[in-house]
Amino acid sequence: MAITTTMDTEQVAGAYDRWAPVYDLVFGPVFRQGRRAAVTAAEAVGGRILEVGVGTGLSLAGYGKGTRVFGIDISEPMLQKARGRVRRQNMTHVEALQVMDAENLTLSDGSFDVVVAQYVVTAIPNPEKAMDEFARVVRPGGEIILTTRIGAETGLRGTLEKWLMPLTTRLGFRTEFPWSRYEHWAEQSQSIRLLERRALRPFGHFWLLRYVRLNDIGPDRP
């Protein structure tokens, strides 16, 4: 099969189906700092939380009992592991875990106080479409919290990211993803404002982004 730098939903689902048995071992330690940062930011808002790309449920235990967490993922094998974790740890704050495509959320407008997407945006075939969905389902005044890769664009790291793209897209994620894509999305949406952009330790390859859904939509928004 030819290697390309494009992605589709079936390809991504298949990649994470294959990752499911070893995901916690491979990615658990690497993304621990980002998971903690995202959960802490979501807890500061509280209420009903949508976690997109919940995977094996590594972050679910971090949410407080006063929240309600609805988790979705494109991979059923990943969710099977998450459901087992919820049962074993008696996580009563987890409302549901469902297979769902981030680009086409079957959820009501404004039905969540927070949308959390951890290391997910660069694994979605059409990221801007998914982020539009995040903005749709979060209530006005609510937050979208992302932990995500931001590409280097220039220098040795930028060259390596471009070179690795044919391989990483087969594995289910992108290495090349510039900040300009996030900026353009927020500008085009007209209902989103960036609250925070913070590099995550240890290497700063990943970032915490916090956006607020504005109450007023249009050119006179704050």
Protein backbone atom coordinates (compact mmCIF):
# COMPACT_ATOMS: atom_id res chain seq x y z
CA MET A 1 0.00 0.00 0.00
CA ALA A 2 1.36 3.42 -0.92
CA ILE A 3 2.40 5.71 1.89
CA THR A 4 0.78 9.16 1.77
CA THR A 5 0.47 12.15 4.07
CA THR A 6 -3.35 12.22 3.92
CA MET A 7 -5.60 10.66 6.54
CA ASP A 8 -9.13 9.29 6.63
CA THR A 9 -11.39 8.25 9.48
CA GLU A 10 -11.25 4.53 8.74
CA GLN A 11 -7.45 4.63 8.62
CA VAL A 12 -7.22 6.47 11.94
CA ALA A 13 -9.70 4.11 13.62
CA GLY A 14 -7.72 1.11 12.40
CA ALA A 15 -4.46 2.59 13.64
CA TYR A 16 -5.81 3.12 17.15
CA ASP A 17 -7.48 -0.29 17.16
CA ARG A 18 -3.95 -1.65 16.73
CA TRP A 19 -2.53 0.70 19.38
CA ALA A 20 -5.12 -0.33 21.99
CA PRO A 21 -3.26 -3.30 23.56
CA VAL A 22 -0.06 -1.29 24.17
CA TYR A 23 -1.32 2.31 24.26
CA ASP A 24 -1.01 2.78 28.03
CA LEU A 25 2.54 1.45 28.03
CA VAL A 26 3.73 3.46 25.04
CA PHE A 27 1.90 6.77 25.50
CA GLY A 28 0.89 6.80 29.17
CA PRO A 29 4.15 8.23 30.58
CA VAL A 30 4.83 10.48 27.56
CA PHE A 31 1.52 12.34 27.84
CA ARG A 32 1.13 12.33 31.64
CA GLN A 33 2.03 16.01 32.11
CA GLY A 34 -0.40 17.12 29.42
CA ARG A 35 -3.22 15.00 30.80
CA ARG A 36 -2.79 16.55 34.24
CA ALA A 37 -2.71 20.07 32.80
CA ALA A 38 -5.86 19.50 30.73
CA VAL A 39 -7.81 17.94 33.60
CA THR A 40 -6.78 20.73 35.97
CA ALA A 41 -7.96 23.36 33.47
CA ALA A 42 -11.25 21.51 32.92
CA GLU A 43 -11.83 21.14 36.66
CA ALA A 44 -11.48 24.92 37.05
CA VAL A 45 -14.61 25.26 34.90
CA GLY A 46 -16.37 22.13 36.14
CA GLY A 47 -19.81 20.87 35.19
CA ARG A 48 -20.40 18.55 32.26
CA ILE A 49 -17.22 17.68 30.35
CA LEU A 50 -16.86 16.12 26.91
CA GLU A 51 -13.55 14.34 26.47
CA VAL A 52 -12.85 13.78 22.79
CA GLY A 53 -10.41 10.97 22.07
CA VAL A 54 -10.80 9.53 25.56
CA GLY A 55 -8.90 6.45 24.42
CA THR A 56 -8.26 3.89 27.17
CA GLY A 57 -9.50 6.35 29.80
CA LEU A 58 -6.13 7.26 31.27
CA SER A 59 -7.32 10.70 32.40
CA LEU A 60 -10.78 9.76 33.70
CA ALA A 61 -9.75 9.17 37.31
CA GLY A 62 -8.33 12.70 37.48
CA TYR A 63 -11.72 14.40 37.20
CA GLY A 64 -13.46 15.28 40.44
CA LYS A 65 -16.66 13.61 41.60
CA GLY A 66 -18.53 16.87 41.08
CA THR A 67 -18.07 16.68 37.31
CA ARG A 68 -19.87 14.54 34.74
CA VAL A 69 -17.64 13.19 31.99
CA PHE A 70 -18.88 12.00 28.60
CA GLY A 71 -16.06 10.30 26.69
CA ILE A 72 -15.90 9.54 22.98
CA ASP A 73 -13.36 7.85 20.74
CA ILE A 74 -13.17 6.58 17.18
CA SER A 75 -11.79 3.20 18.33
CA GLU A 76 -14.00 0.59 19.98
CA PRO A 77 -11.02 -1.47 21.29
CA MET A 78 -9.68 1.64 23.03
CA LEU A 79 -13.10 2.26 24.60
CA GLN A 80 -13.32 -1.35 25.77
CA LYS A 81 -10.21 -0.74 27.86
CA ALA A 82 -11.68 2.54 29.13
CA ARG A 83 -14.91 0.81 30.18
CA GLY A 84 -12.93 -1.79 32.08
CA ARG A 85 -11.02 0.95 33.89
CA VAL A 86 -14.27 2.73 34.81
CA ARG A 87 -15.75 -0.49 36.23
CA ARG A 88 -12.66 -1.44 38.20
CA GLN A 89 -12.29 2.00 39.75
CA ASN A 90 -16.04 2.61 40.19
CA MET A 91 -15.91 5.97 38.43
CA THR A 92 -19.46 7.15 39.02
CA HIS A 93 -18.69 10.56 37.52
CA VAL A 94 -18.27 9.00 34.04
CA GLU A 95 -21.61 9.50 32.31
CA ALA A 96 -20.97 7.52 29.12
CA LEU A 97 -18.27 6.20 26.78
CA GLN A 98 -19.28 6.00 23.12
CA VAL A 99 -17.79 5.46 19.70
CA MET A 100 -18.15 8.74 17.84
CA ASP A 101 -16.43 10.66 15.06
CA ALA A 102 -15.03 13.98 16.32
CA GLU A 103 -15.87 15.58 12.97
CA ASN A 104 -19.56 14.66 13.29
CA LEU A 105 -20.62 14.80 16.93
CA THR A 106 -24.12 13.46 17.51
CA LEU A 107 -24.52 15.79 20.48
CA SER A 108 -26.71 18.82 21.13
CA ASP A 109 -25.56 22.42 20.71
CA GLY A 110 -24.20 24.00 23.89
CA SER A 111 -24.64 20.80 25.91
CA PHE A 112 -21.22 20.83 27.63
CA ASP A 113 -19.43 23.23 29.95
CA VAL A 114 -16.01 22.07 28.73
CA VAL A 115 -14.65 20.16 25.74
CA VAL A 116 -11.30 18.47 26.34
CA ALA A 117 -9.25 16.99 23.49
CA GLN A 118 -5.91 15.58 24.56
CA TYR A 119 -3.40 14.80 21.79
CA VAL A 120 -6.31 14.40 19.38
CA VAL A 121 -6.43 17.34 16.98
CA THR A 122 -3.42 16.24 14.92
CA ALA A 123 -4.88 12.72 14.66
CA ILE A 124 -8.15 13.86 13.05
CA PRO A 125 -8.39 13.80 9.22
CA ASN A 126 -10.13 17.23 9.10
CA PRO A 127 -9.05 19.00 12.31
CA GLU A 128 -10.81 22.31 11.67
CA LYS A 129 -14.12 20.54 11.10
CA ALA A 130 -13.72 18.77 14.44
CA MET A 131 -12.83 22.00 16.24
CA ASP A 132 -15.94 23.61 14.76
CA GLU A 133 -17.88 20.76 16.35
CA PHE A 134 -16.18 21.40 19.70
CA ALA A 135 -17.28 25.04 19.48
CA ARG A 136 -20.83 23.99 18.63
CA VAL A 137 -21.35 21.62 21.56
CA VAL A 138 -19.75 23.79 24.26
CA ARG A 139 -22.00 26.38 25.91
CA PRO A 140 -21.34 30.13 25.58
CA GLY A 141 -18.79 31.00 28.25
CA GLY A 142 -17.53 27.41 28.31
CA GLU A 143 -14.03 26.34 27.34
CA ILE A 144 -12.31 24.18 24.75
CA ILE A 145 -9.10 22.74 26.21
CA LEU A 146 -6.55 21.14 23.91
CA THR A 147 -3.24 19.48 24.56
CA THR A 148 -1.66 19.22 21.16
CA ARG A 149 1.38 19.27 18.95
CA ILE A 150 2.41 22.54 17.34
CA GLY A 151 4.89 22.03 14.53
CA ALA A 152 8.27 23.75 14.42
CA GLU A 153 7.80 24.84 10.76
CA THR A 154 11.51 25.77 10.35
CA GLY A 155 14.92 24.45 11.36
CA LEU A 156 16.03 20.87 11.89
CA ARG A 157 12.92 19.91 13.85
CA GLY A 158 10.66 21.31 11.16
CA THR A 159 12.54 19.32 8.50
CA LEU A 160 12.26 16.13 10.55
CA GLU A 161 8.53 16.66 11.09
CA LYS A 162 7.96 16.95 7.34
CA TRP A 163 10.16 13.93 6.65
CA LEU A 164 8.30 11.79 9.21
CA MET A 165 4.80 12.65 7.97
CA PRO A 166 4.40 9.67 5.59
CA LEU A 167 5.20 7.31 8.47
CA THR A 168 3.26 9.01 11.26
CA THR A 169 0.07 9.34 9.23
CA ARG A 170 0.12 5.56 8.86
CA LEU A 171 0.45 5.35 12.65
CA GLY A 172 -2.55 7.64 13.15
CA PHE A 173 -1.15 11.13 13.77
CA ARG A 174 0.65 14.06 12.16
CA THR A 175 4.05 15.45 13.09
CA GLU A 176 3.70 18.55 10.88
CA PHE A 177 0.97 20.91 12.15
CA PRO A 178 1.75 24.66 12.28
CA TRP A 179 0.37 27.20 14.76
CA SER A 180 -1.11 29.12 11.82
CA ARG A 181 -3.82 26.46 11.47
CA TYR A 182 -5.05 27.10 15.01
CA GLU A 183 -4.87 30.87 14.49
CA HIS A 184 -6.80 30.72 11.22
CA TRP A 185 -9.46 28.47 12.73
CA ALA A 186 -10.09 30.81 15.66
CA GLU A 187 -10.23 33.86 13.37
CA GLN A 188 -12.67 32.20 10.99
CA SER A 189 -14.95 30.85 13.72
CA GLN A 190 -15.79 34.34 15.08
CA SER A 191 -17.10 32.73 18.27
CA ILE A 192 -13.81 31.62 19.82
CA ARG A 193 -11.10 33.52 21.70
CA LEU A 194 -7.75 32.14 22.82
CA LEU A 195 -7.32 32.35 26.61
CA GLU A 196 -4.00 30.56 27.09
CA ARG A 197 -1.17 29.04 25.08
CA ARG A 198 1.40 27.25 27.25
CA ALA A 199 4.27 24.92 26.37
CA LEU A 200 4.22 21.63 28.24
CA ARG A 201 7.28 20.09 29.83
CA PRO A 202 9.67 18.44 29.39
CA PHE A 203 10.56 19.45 25.80
CA GLY A 204 7.90 21.94 24.74
CA HIS A 205 6.89 19.91 21.69
CA PHE A 206 3.32 19.87 22.99
CA TRP A 207 1.14 22.74 24.17
CA LEU A 208 -1.90 23.46 26.30
CA LEU A 209 -4.40 25.67 24.48
CA ARG A 210 -7.50 27.09 26.13
CA TYR A 211 -10.27 28.74 24.13
CA VAL A 212 -13.50 30.31 25.40
CA ARG A 213 -16.77 30.16 23.48
CA LEU A 214 -17.99 33.74 23.39
CA ASN A 215 -21.50 34.80 24.36
CA ASP A 216 -21.69 37.25 21.50
CA ILE A 217 -20.82 36.24 17.95
CA GLY A 218 -19.81 38.86 15.46
CA PRO A 219 -17.37 41.73 14.85
CA ASP A 220 -18.18 43.48 18.13
CA ARG A 221 -17.31 40.47 20.30
CA PRO A 222 -14.91 41.20 23.20
